[in-house]
Protein backbone atom coordinates (compact mmCIF):
# COMPACT_ATOMS: atom_id res chain seq x y z
CA MET A 1 74.38 27.12 90.59
CA LYS A 2 71.04 26.01 89.46
CA PHE A 3 69.48 22.67 90.48
CA LEU A 4 67.40 21.04 87.77
CA GLY A 5 65.72 17.64 87.16
CA ASN A 6 63.90 15.30 84.68
CA LYS A 7 60.94 13.50 84.64
CA ALA A 8 60.99 12.43 80.93
CA THR A 9 59.83 9.28 79.45
CA VAL A 10 62.10 9.05 76.26
CA MET A 11 64.45 12.11 76.20
CA PRO A 12 66.87 13.29 78.93
CA LEU A 13 64.79 16.41 79.77
CA MET A 14 61.89 17.48 81.88
CA ALA A 15 60.57 18.84 85.07
CA ILE A 16 62.37 19.42 88.41
CA THR A 17 62.90 17.37 91.32
CA ALA A 18 63.06 18.27 94.83
CA THR A 19 65.84 16.22 96.52
CA LEU A 20 69.20 15.07 95.65
CA ALA A 21 70.43 11.79 97.21
CA PHE A 22 73.63 10.09 95.89
CA GLY A 23 73.71 6.44 95.76
CA VAL A 24 77.55 6.12 95.24
CA PRO A 25 80.55 5.33 97.39
CA GLN A 26 81.92 8.05 99.59
CA ALA A 27 84.88 8.74 97.12
CA GLY A 28 82.53 9.45 94.57
CA ALA A 29 80.42 11.89 96.58
CA GLN A 30 83.83 13.74 97.65
CA GLY A 31 84.72 14.08 94.02
CA LEU A 32 81.39 15.65 93.14
CA PHE A 33 81.71 18.05 96.18
CA ASP A 34 85.19 19.09 95.08
CA MET A 35 83.90 19.74 91.59
CA LEU A 36 81.10 21.76 92.95
CA PHE A 37 82.81 23.96 95.50
CA GLY A 38 86.42 23.60 94.73
CA GLY A 39 87.50 20.94 97.19
CA GLY A 40 87.26 20.63 100.84
CA VAL A 41 84.21 19.33 102.94
CA ARG A 42 82.32 22.25 104.16
CA HIS A 43 80.37 21.43 107.11
CA ALA A 44 76.93 23.24 107.64
CA PRO A 45 76.93 25.99 110.14
CA LYS A 46 75.35 25.09 113.37
CA GLY A 47 71.67 25.02 113.34
CA GLU A 48 71.59 24.78 109.58
CA PHE A 49 70.27 21.25 109.95
CA PRO A 50 68.77 19.59 112.85
CA PRO A 51 70.89 17.19 114.70
CA PRO A 52 70.12 13.42 114.48
CA PRO A 53 67.57 12.37 117.06
CA PRO A 54 69.04 10.04 119.86
CA LYS A 55 68.47 6.51 119.33
CA ASN A 56 65.45 4.84 120.86
CA LYS A 57 63.85 8.21 121.72
CA PRO A 58 60.18 8.41 121.30
CA LYS A 59 59.21 10.58 118.28
CA PRO A 60 57.42 13.79 119.45
CA LYS A 61 53.68 14.05 118.66
CA VAL A 62 52.61 16.86 116.39
CA SER A 63 49.48 18.60 117.77
CA GLY A 64 47.10 21.00 116.18
CA GLY A 65 45.57 24.08 117.51
CA GLY A 66 42.86 22.04 119.20
CA GLY A 67 45.23 19.96 120.99
CA GLY A 68 44.44 16.79 118.79
CA ASN A 69 47.18 14.81 116.92
CA VAL A 70 47.50 16.12 113.36
CA LYS A 71 48.82 13.79 110.40
CA ILE A 72 51.14 15.40 108.23
CA SER A 73 50.27 14.22 104.62
CA SER A 74 51.97 14.44 101.29
CA PRO A 75 51.16 17.19 98.61
CA SER A 76 47.76 16.44 96.90
CA TYR A 77 46.93 15.73 93.37
CA TYR A 78 44.31 18.24 91.78
CA THR A 79 42.03 18.26 89.09
CA TYR A 80 43.33 20.28 86.45
CA LYS A 81 41.20 23.36 85.56
CA ALA A 82 42.29 25.73 82.75
CA ASP A 83 41.12 29.27 82.45
CA ARG A 84 37.72 29.53 81.16
CA LEU A 85 37.57 31.80 77.73
CA VAL A 86 35.52 34.80 78.19
CA ARG A 87 33.94 37.08 75.56
CA VAL A 88 36.21 39.92 74.62
CA ASP A 89 34.44 43.32 75.40
CA PHE A 90 35.26 45.62 72.45
CA SER A 91 32.88 48.29 73.61
CA ALA A 92 35.87 50.18 75.22
CA LEU A 93 37.47 50.39 71.70
CA ALA A 94 34.34 52.18 70.33
CA ALA A 95 34.26 54.74 73.03
CA THR A 96 34.27 58.48 72.24
CA PRO A 97 37.91 59.81 72.41
CA ALA A 98 36.95 61.70 75.60
CA GLN A 99 36.05 58.27 77.24
CA ALA A 100 38.78 56.13 75.85
CA THR A 101 41.94 55.11 77.54
CA PRO A 102 44.77 57.62 77.06
CA GLN A 103 46.85 56.77 74.01
CA ASP A 104 50.47 55.29 74.42
CA ALA A 105 52.91 58.19 74.53
CA ALA A 106 54.87 56.37 71.81
CA PHE A 107 51.93 55.82 69.52
CA VAL A 108 52.24 57.33 65.99
CA PRO A 109 49.11 56.91 64.03
CA SER A 110 49.52 55.48 60.52
CA ALA A 111 47.53 56.16 57.48
CA THR A 112 45.17 53.42 58.46
CA GLY A 113 44.43 54.82 61.84
CA ALA A 114 41.28 56.88 60.68
CA ALA A 115 40.14 53.65 59.18
CA PHE A 116 40.75 51.49 62.22
CA ARG A 117 38.72 53.90 64.36
CA ASP A 118 35.63 53.53 61.95
CA ALA A 119 36.39 49.82 62.10
CA VAL A 120 36.05 49.20 65.51
CA ALA A 121 32.52 50.38 65.65
CA SER A 122 31.56 47.22 63.90
CA LEU A 123 32.93 45.02 66.85
CA GLY A 124 29.90 45.49 68.93
CA ASP A 125 28.35 42.09 67.80
CA TYR A 126 31.58 40.24 67.33
CA GLU A 127 31.40 37.11 69.77
CA PHE A 128 35.20 36.21 70.09
CA LEU A 129 36.49 34.22 73.15
CA ALA A 130 39.88 34.46 74.67
CA GLU A 131 41.75 33.85 77.74
CA PRO A 132 40.79 36.42 80.55
CA ASP A 133 44.56 37.95 80.51
CA ILE A 134 44.55 38.03 76.67
CA ALA A 135 41.02 39.69 76.36
CA LYS A 136 42.29 42.29 78.81
CA ALA A 137 45.59 42.95 77.16
CA LEU A 138 43.84 43.26 73.57
CA ILE A 139 41.64 45.96 74.89
CA ALA A 140 44.42 47.77 76.90
CA TYR A 141 46.75 47.54 73.84
CA TYR A 142 44.29 48.79 71.11
CA SER A 143 42.83 51.55 73.38
CA ALA A 144 46.31 52.92 74.02
CA ASN A 145 47.41 52.23 70.15
CA PRO A 146 44.15 52.67 67.99
CA ASP A 147 45.77 51.22 64.52
CA PHE A 148 46.08 48.07 62.61
CA ILE A 149 49.08 45.85 63.26
CA TRP A 150 48.38 42.97 60.65
CA ILE A 151 46.74 45.17 57.95
CA SER A 152 48.06 47.76 55.40
CA GLY A 153 45.37 49.65 53.24
CA THR A 154 42.87 46.97 52.57
CA SER A 155 45.01 43.72 52.70
CA LEU A 156 47.19 41.61 54.98
CA ASN A 157 50.72 42.89 55.36
CA SER A 158 53.88 40.86 55.43
CA ARG A 159 53.65 40.77 59.41
CA ALA A 160 50.25 39.07 59.19
CA GLN A 161 51.59 36.47 56.45
CA ASP A 162 54.47 35.70 58.84
CA ALA A 163 52.53 35.47 61.77
CA VAL A 164 49.87 33.08 60.19
CA ARG A 165 52.71 30.87 58.98
CA VAL A 166 54.31 30.50 62.28
CA LEU A 167 51.05 29.73 63.87
CA GLY A 168 50.50 27.29 61.23
CA GLU A 169 53.83 25.40 61.98
CA ALA A 170 53.15 25.00 65.76
CA SER A 171 53.19 21.22 65.39
CA SER A 172 57.15 21.60 64.89
CA TYR A 173 57.19 22.64 68.44
CA GLY A 174 54.80 19.96 69.87
CA LEU A 175 52.00 22.23 69.92
CA THR A 176 48.60 21.84 68.20
CA PRO A 177 48.07 24.21 65.25
CA ALA A 178 44.14 24.16 65.92
CA ASP A 179 44.83 25.95 69.09
CA TYR A 180 46.18 28.95 67.20
CA THR A 181 43.79 28.80 63.95
CA VAL A 182 42.55 32.12 62.41
CA GLU A 183 40.31 32.60 59.46
CA VAL A 184 42.18 34.62 56.92
CA PRO A 185 40.29 36.85 54.76
CA ALA A 186 40.39 35.55 50.98
CA ALA A 187 43.35 37.24 49.17
CA GLY A 188 42.32 39.60 46.38
CA ALA A 189 38.53 39.12 47.45
CA SER A 190 36.83 42.14 46.04
CA THR A 191 33.59 43.76 47.32
CA THR A 192 31.59 46.74 46.48
CA ASP A 193 30.91 47.04 50.26
CA ALA A 194 33.74 48.81 51.76
CA ASN A 195 32.12 48.60 55.37
CA ALA A 196 31.65 44.94 54.90
CA GLN A 197 35.50 44.60 53.97
CA LEU A 198 36.55 46.71 56.68
CA LYS A 199 34.42 44.67 59.15
CA GLU A 200 36.20 41.55 58.01
CA LEU A 201 39.34 42.99 58.35
CA VAL A 202 39.26 44.52 61.92
CA ARG A 203 37.89 40.89 63.03
CA PHE A 204 40.90 39.22 61.59
CA GLU A 205 43.06 41.75 63.34
CA MET A 206 41.65 41.06 66.73
CA ALA A 207 41.66 37.29 66.23
CA LEU A 208 45.24 37.12 64.94
CA SER A 209 46.42 39.28 67.93
CA ALA A 210 44.49 37.13 70.40
CA ARG A 211 46.06 33.79 68.95
CA VAL A 212 49.60 35.27 68.57
CA LEU A 213 49.40 36.14 72.26
CA ARG A 214 48.25 32.51 73.20
CA TYR A 215 51.07 31.28 71.06
CA ALA A 216 53.69 33.54 72.82
CA HIS A 217 52.25 32.48 76.09
CA ASP A 218 52.36 28.58 75.38
CA ALA A 219 55.76 28.83 73.88
CA GLN A 220 57.41 30.56 76.96
CA ASN A 221 55.21 28.88 79.84
CA GLY A 222 53.68 25.88 78.26
CA ARG A 223 50.09 24.97 77.44
CA VAL A 224 49.13 24.00 80.89
CA ASP A 225 50.21 25.48 84.32
CA PRO A 226 52.08 22.47 86.19
CA ASN A 227 51.31 23.82 89.54
CA ARG A 228 47.53 23.40 89.08
CA MET A 229 48.10 19.81 88.71
CA THR A 230 49.62 18.57 91.77
CA GLY A 231 51.13 19.97 95.03
CA TYR A 232 54.44 18.17 94.10
CA TYR A 233 54.97 20.90 91.35
CA ASP A 234 56.50 24.12 92.56
CA PHE A 235 57.41 26.22 89.49
CA PRO A 236 57.84 29.98 89.85
CA ALA A 237 55.70 32.21 87.66
CA LYS A 238 57.42 33.27 84.12
CA PRO A 239 55.55 36.68 83.61
CA LEU A 240 54.73 37.63 80.12
CA ASP A 241 54.11 41.13 79.09
CA LEU A 242 51.10 40.60 76.65
CA GLN A 243 50.81 44.13 75.54
CA GLY A 244 54.38 44.60 75.27
CA VAL A 245 54.21 41.47 72.92
CA LEU A 246 51.95 43.44 70.65
CA LYS A 247 53.90 46.57 70.72
CA THR A 248 57.11 44.56 69.67
CA LEU A 249 54.99 43.00 66.88
CA ALA A 250 53.53 46.33 65.77
CA HIS A 251 57.21 47.53 65.23
CA THR A 252 59.13 44.94 63.79
CA GLN A 253 59.38 43.00 60.46
CA GLN A 254 61.02 39.99 61.99
CA VAL A 255 57.63 38.59 63.32
CA ARG A 256 59.02 34.97 62.94
CA THR A 257 62.05 35.51 64.61
CA TYR A 258 60.41 37.16 67.70
CA LEU A 259 57.75 34.60 68.06
CA GLU A 260 60.23 31.71 67.75
CA SER A 261 62.43 33.38 70.30
CA ARG A 262 59.69 32.91 72.84
CA HIS A 263 60.30 29.27 72.89
CA PRO A 264 63.35 27.91 75.22
CA GLN A 265 66.52 28.40 73.56
CA ASN A 266 68.60 25.93 75.32
CA ALA A 267 70.22 22.97 73.68
CA GLU A 268 67.88 20.41 75.14
CA TYR A 269 64.93 21.78 74.00
CA GLN A 270 66.41 22.00 70.41
CA ALA A 271 67.64 18.42 70.53
CA LEU A 272 63.90 17.35 71.41
CA ARG A 273 62.77 19.40 68.29
CA VAL A 274 65.14 17.63 66.16
CA GLU A 275 63.77 14.18 67.29
CA LEU A 276 60.39 15.53 66.89
CA GLU A 277 60.96 16.51 63.31
CA ALA A 278 62.58 13.05 62.63
CA LEU A 279 59.74 11.28 64.14
CA GLN A 280 57.10 13.23 62.25
CA ALA A 281 58.94 12.56 58.84
CA SER A 282 59.47 8.88 59.50
CA ALA A 283 56.86 6.12 58.40
CA GLU A 284 54.46 4.53 60.76
CA ASN A 285 55.32 0.95 61.73
CA GLU A 286 53.95 -1.12 59.02
CA ILE A 287 52.82 -3.78 61.38
CA VAL A 288 51.22 -2.47 64.65
CA VAL A 289 50.66 -5.06 67.55
CA ASP A 290 48.68 -4.33 70.69
CA PRO A 291 51.33 -3.35 73.14
CA LYS A 292 49.09 -4.82 75.89
CA LEU A 293 48.88 -8.06 74.48
CA LEU A 294 49.00 -11.10 76.96
CA LEU A 295 48.86 -14.40 75.26
CA LYS A 296 49.49 -17.80 76.63
CA PRO A 297 49.97 -21.30 74.85
CA GLY A 298 46.61 -22.60 73.49
CA GLU A 299 44.79 -19.30 73.44
CA THR A 300 43.75 -17.12 70.45
CA SER A 301 44.62 -13.71 69.29
CA PRO A 302 44.39 -11.85 65.94
CA GLU A 303 47.37 -10.18 66.79
CA LEU A 304 49.43 -13.57 66.78
CA PRO A 305 49.88 -13.55 62.82
CA LYS A 306 51.44 -10.03 63.17
CA LEU A 307 53.88 -11.21 65.51
CA LEU A 308 54.87 -14.29 63.47
CA THR A 309 55.22 -12.26 60.47
CA LEU A 310 57.72 -9.90 62.43
CA ILE A 311 59.48 -12.99 63.55
CA ALA A 312 59.77 -14.40 60.24
CA ARG A 313 60.94 -11.03 58.52
CA ASN A 314 64.05 -10.97 61.02
CA LEU A 315 65.06 -14.66 60.91
CA ASP A 316 68.84 -15.23 60.82
CA ASP A 317 70.43 -18.41 59.50
CA GLU A 318 70.25 -20.13 62.72
CA MET A 319 66.77 -19.37 63.78
CA GLY A 320 65.51 -19.95 60.12
CA GLY A 321 67.06 -23.47 59.95
CA ALA A 322 65.33 -24.29 63.47
CA TYR A 323 61.78 -22.59 62.99
CA GLY A 324 61.62 -21.50 59.47
CA GLU A 325 59.21 -24.51 58.45
CA VAL A 326 57.11 -23.89 61.59
CA LEU A 327 56.73 -20.42 60.87
CA SER A 328 55.88 -20.78 57.36
CA ARG A 329 53.12 -23.44 58.26
CA LEU A 330 51.61 -21.49 60.86
CA ALA A 331 52.01 -18.03 59.79
CA THR A 332 48.34 -17.16 59.76
CA SER A 333 47.23 -19.09 62.56
CA GLU A 334 45.42 -16.94 65.39
CA VAL A 335 45.91 -20.02 67.90
CA TYR A 336 49.05 -19.97 69.95
CA ASP A 337 49.94 -23.45 68.89
CA PRO A 338 52.31 -25.64 70.99
CA GLU A 339 54.47 -25.98 68.35
CA LEU A 340 55.36 -22.29 68.27
CA ILE A 341 56.38 -22.26 72.10
CA PRO A 342 60.05 -22.89 71.25
CA VAL A 343 60.04 -20.33 68.65
CA ILE A 344 58.67 -17.49 71.08
CA LYS A 345 61.16 -18.84 73.82
CA ALA A 346 64.10 -18.46 71.43
CA VAL A 347 63.04 -14.82 70.42
CA GLN A 348 62.56 -13.85 74.12
CA GLN A 349 65.93 -15.23 75.06
CA LYS A 350 67.49 -13.53 71.94
CA ALA A 351 66.24 -10.23 73.27
CA GLY A 352 67.57 -10.76 76.63
CA MET A 353 64.50 -11.87 78.40
CA LYS A 354 63.33 -14.77 80.47
CA GLY A 355 62.31 -17.40 77.88
CA ASP A 356 58.91 -18.42 79.49
CA GLY A 357 56.91 -18.66 76.37
CA VAL A 358 54.21 -16.26 77.44
CA ILE A 359 53.79 -13.38 74.90
CA GLY A 360 53.45 -10.24 77.00
CA PRO A 361 54.01 -6.49 76.68
CA ARG A 362 57.89 -7.04 76.89
CA THR A 363 58.00 -9.58 74.05
CA VAL A 364 55.52 -7.56 71.90
CA ALA A 365 57.80 -4.20 72.37
CA SER A 366 60.93 -6.40 71.54
CA LEU A 367 59.29 -7.50 68.12
CA ALA A 368 57.11 -4.51 67.25
CA GLY A 369 58.76 -1.85 68.96
CA THR A 370 57.01 1.34 70.13
CA SER A 371 54.42 2.90 67.80
CA LYS A 372 55.09 6.25 66.01
CA ALA A 373 52.44 7.92 67.82
CA ASP A 374 53.32 6.65 71.10
CA LYS A 375 56.77 8.10 70.43
CA LEU A 376 55.55 11.33 69.19
CA LEU A 377 53.32 11.89 72.36
CA LYS A 378 56.36 11.24 74.67
CA VAL A 379 58.43 13.83 72.87
CA GLU A 380 55.64 16.39 72.83
CA VAL A 381 55.30 15.89 76.46
CA ALA A 382 58.96 16.36 77.13
CA LEU A 383 58.88 19.46 75.08
CA GLU A 384 55.85 20.64 77.09
CA GLU A 385 57.69 20.11 80.44
CA LEU A 386 60.77 21.76 79.27
CA ARG A 387 58.79 24.89 78.72
CA TRP A 388 58.01 24.96 82.38
CA LEU A 389 61.72 25.53 82.94
CA PRO A 390 63.82 28.69 82.45
CA SER A 391 64.91 29.26 78.92
CA ASP A 392 68.37 29.47 80.04
CA LEU A 393 69.07 26.16 82.15
CA GLY A 394 72.07 27.87 83.94
CA SER A 395 75.74 26.79 84.28
CA PRO A 396 76.95 24.87 86.14
CA ARG A 397 73.90 22.94 87.18
CA VAL A 398 72.94 19.70 88.51
CA PHE A 399 70.24 17.83 86.38
CA ILE A 400 68.08 14.96 87.58
CA ASN A 401 67.17 12.25 85.14
CA GLN A 402 64.31 10.51 86.88
CA PRO A 403 63.59 7.77 84.52
CA ALA A 404 67.33 6.79 84.48
CA PHE A 405 67.91 7.43 88.47
CA THR A 406 70.72 9.69 87.67
CA ALA A 407 71.91 13.03 88.74
CA SER A 408 74.34 14.82 86.50
CA TYR A 409 76.80 17.70 87.13
CA ILE A 410 76.86 20.02 84.02
CA ASP A 411 79.28 22.81 83.31
CA ASN A 412 79.29 24.68 79.86
CA GLY A 413 77.22 22.22 78.29
CA GLU A 414 79.67 19.37 79.50
CA GLU A 415 78.54 16.43 81.56
CA LYS A 416 81.44 16.34 84.10
CA LEU A 417 80.02 13.65 86.38
CA LYS A 418 76.97 11.30 86.41
CA THR A 419 75.95 9.37 89.63
CA ARG A 420 72.79 7.37 90.77
CA ALA A 421 69.93 9.24 92.34
CA VAL A 422 67.23 8.02 94.78
CA ILE A 423 63.89 8.82 93.21
CA GLY A 424 60.51 8.83 95.05
CA ARG A 425 57.58 6.52 94.41
CA THR A 426 53.93 7.38 93.73
CA THR A 427 53.20 7.17 97.35
CA ASN A 428 56.22 9.49 98.15
CA GLN A 429 56.68 11.19 95.09
CA THR A 430 59.83 13.32 94.39
CA SER A 431 58.71 16.90 94.12
CA PHE A 432 59.51 19.23 90.94
CA PHE A 433 61.08 22.55 91.22
CA TYR A 434 64.20 24.43 90.24
CA ASP A 435 66.28 26.80 92.55
CA GLN A 436 69.75 27.88 93.66
CA ILE A 437 71.92 25.30 95.47
CA LYS A 438 73.13 26.94 98.71
CA GLN A 439 74.50 23.63 100.39
CA VAL A 440 75.12 20.07 99.66
CA ASP A 441 74.90 17.56 102.62
CA PHE A 442 76.43 14.14 102.19
CA HIS A 443 74.85 11.09 103.86
CA PRO A 444 72.33 12.92 105.91
CA TYR A 445 70.97 11.01 108.92
CA TRP A 446 67.42 10.75 107.35
């Protein structure tokens, strides 16, 4: 059974947590144990966990190699550094057959094979940047398979057209289309210089392959490596055969299906995509108020008329009868007049807050809600963090929703049990990982 967790802000999905602590009565804990293991408390074998220390016994000191005391610290936060892009060295592709890398045993040259070999000679002055692994994969693949993937004759084939469309739709997965942009040769462009045309096509070939590989990597693994951000993250690598991706694309007409299959296929990821699509299609809030606004009676802010407009728009009969005249008279006031204090207090109490009359972020959020941009960002982050997890989340599994402080037991896609969970703070942050559950220990002494 897999152990999965969550650090999402708005959607019930994200990264992985390291510890599972149940804040429920013993009966509830026993119920979960029965569901996980079929009933009966199974005690840990001797030595599996250290025995609890005797009461009032001094804690032993931890000494380093030099004999001095060593302070055990928590994992660190890192300055994130992405891979630096490198210039792709196409000189290997222009090597003579005797010097070239042995061709793939399964490679069968097409009618454009000879044209490809002539075209790669023009790549000597092509300054194209890519990630180191992608640059290496490009040269290795085309050395062993010297032929076009995306060009047939003197024009783009259907594979290329499908690939360009998929890259252009990257935002539907919370990715940035600009990261995968490729300059497409103009359709139907005619030139009397066959060499110039071939040069343009082979450069497009290399650029599209590189961006397709970037897309496949980002879809499967995410745009960033979480383990480079902090020692609290411990995600195993998700290897991707970059040359294998190009081989598959060279022999399939289902380019869209293949590229989209690189994304996580679980229901949670698909639900986030639906939410993202709905947000992208929705209209932006007509009235956007500074979410960090803090305004006390007597103070002035240009944000105040916006809030008053929102209050007036949603007046019910009771509120309208009590405060309609005041709101109408002071609708454009930027000064928090004392006459408005009862209005703000009533709005706060109606929203379930303490009616203190101070306009702060909670009051603004209750009236203006969250901006569309903020909601989009949260869903995009949630999608990215899901890409750090396995595509198949496993079943049964325990899933931790950190913002909700809950742990859920899920079997065959159905939540069988939900209980409270203890989540660390910034000073003792919960780690993120996924692993197989080997043992559950209830009410440990620590």
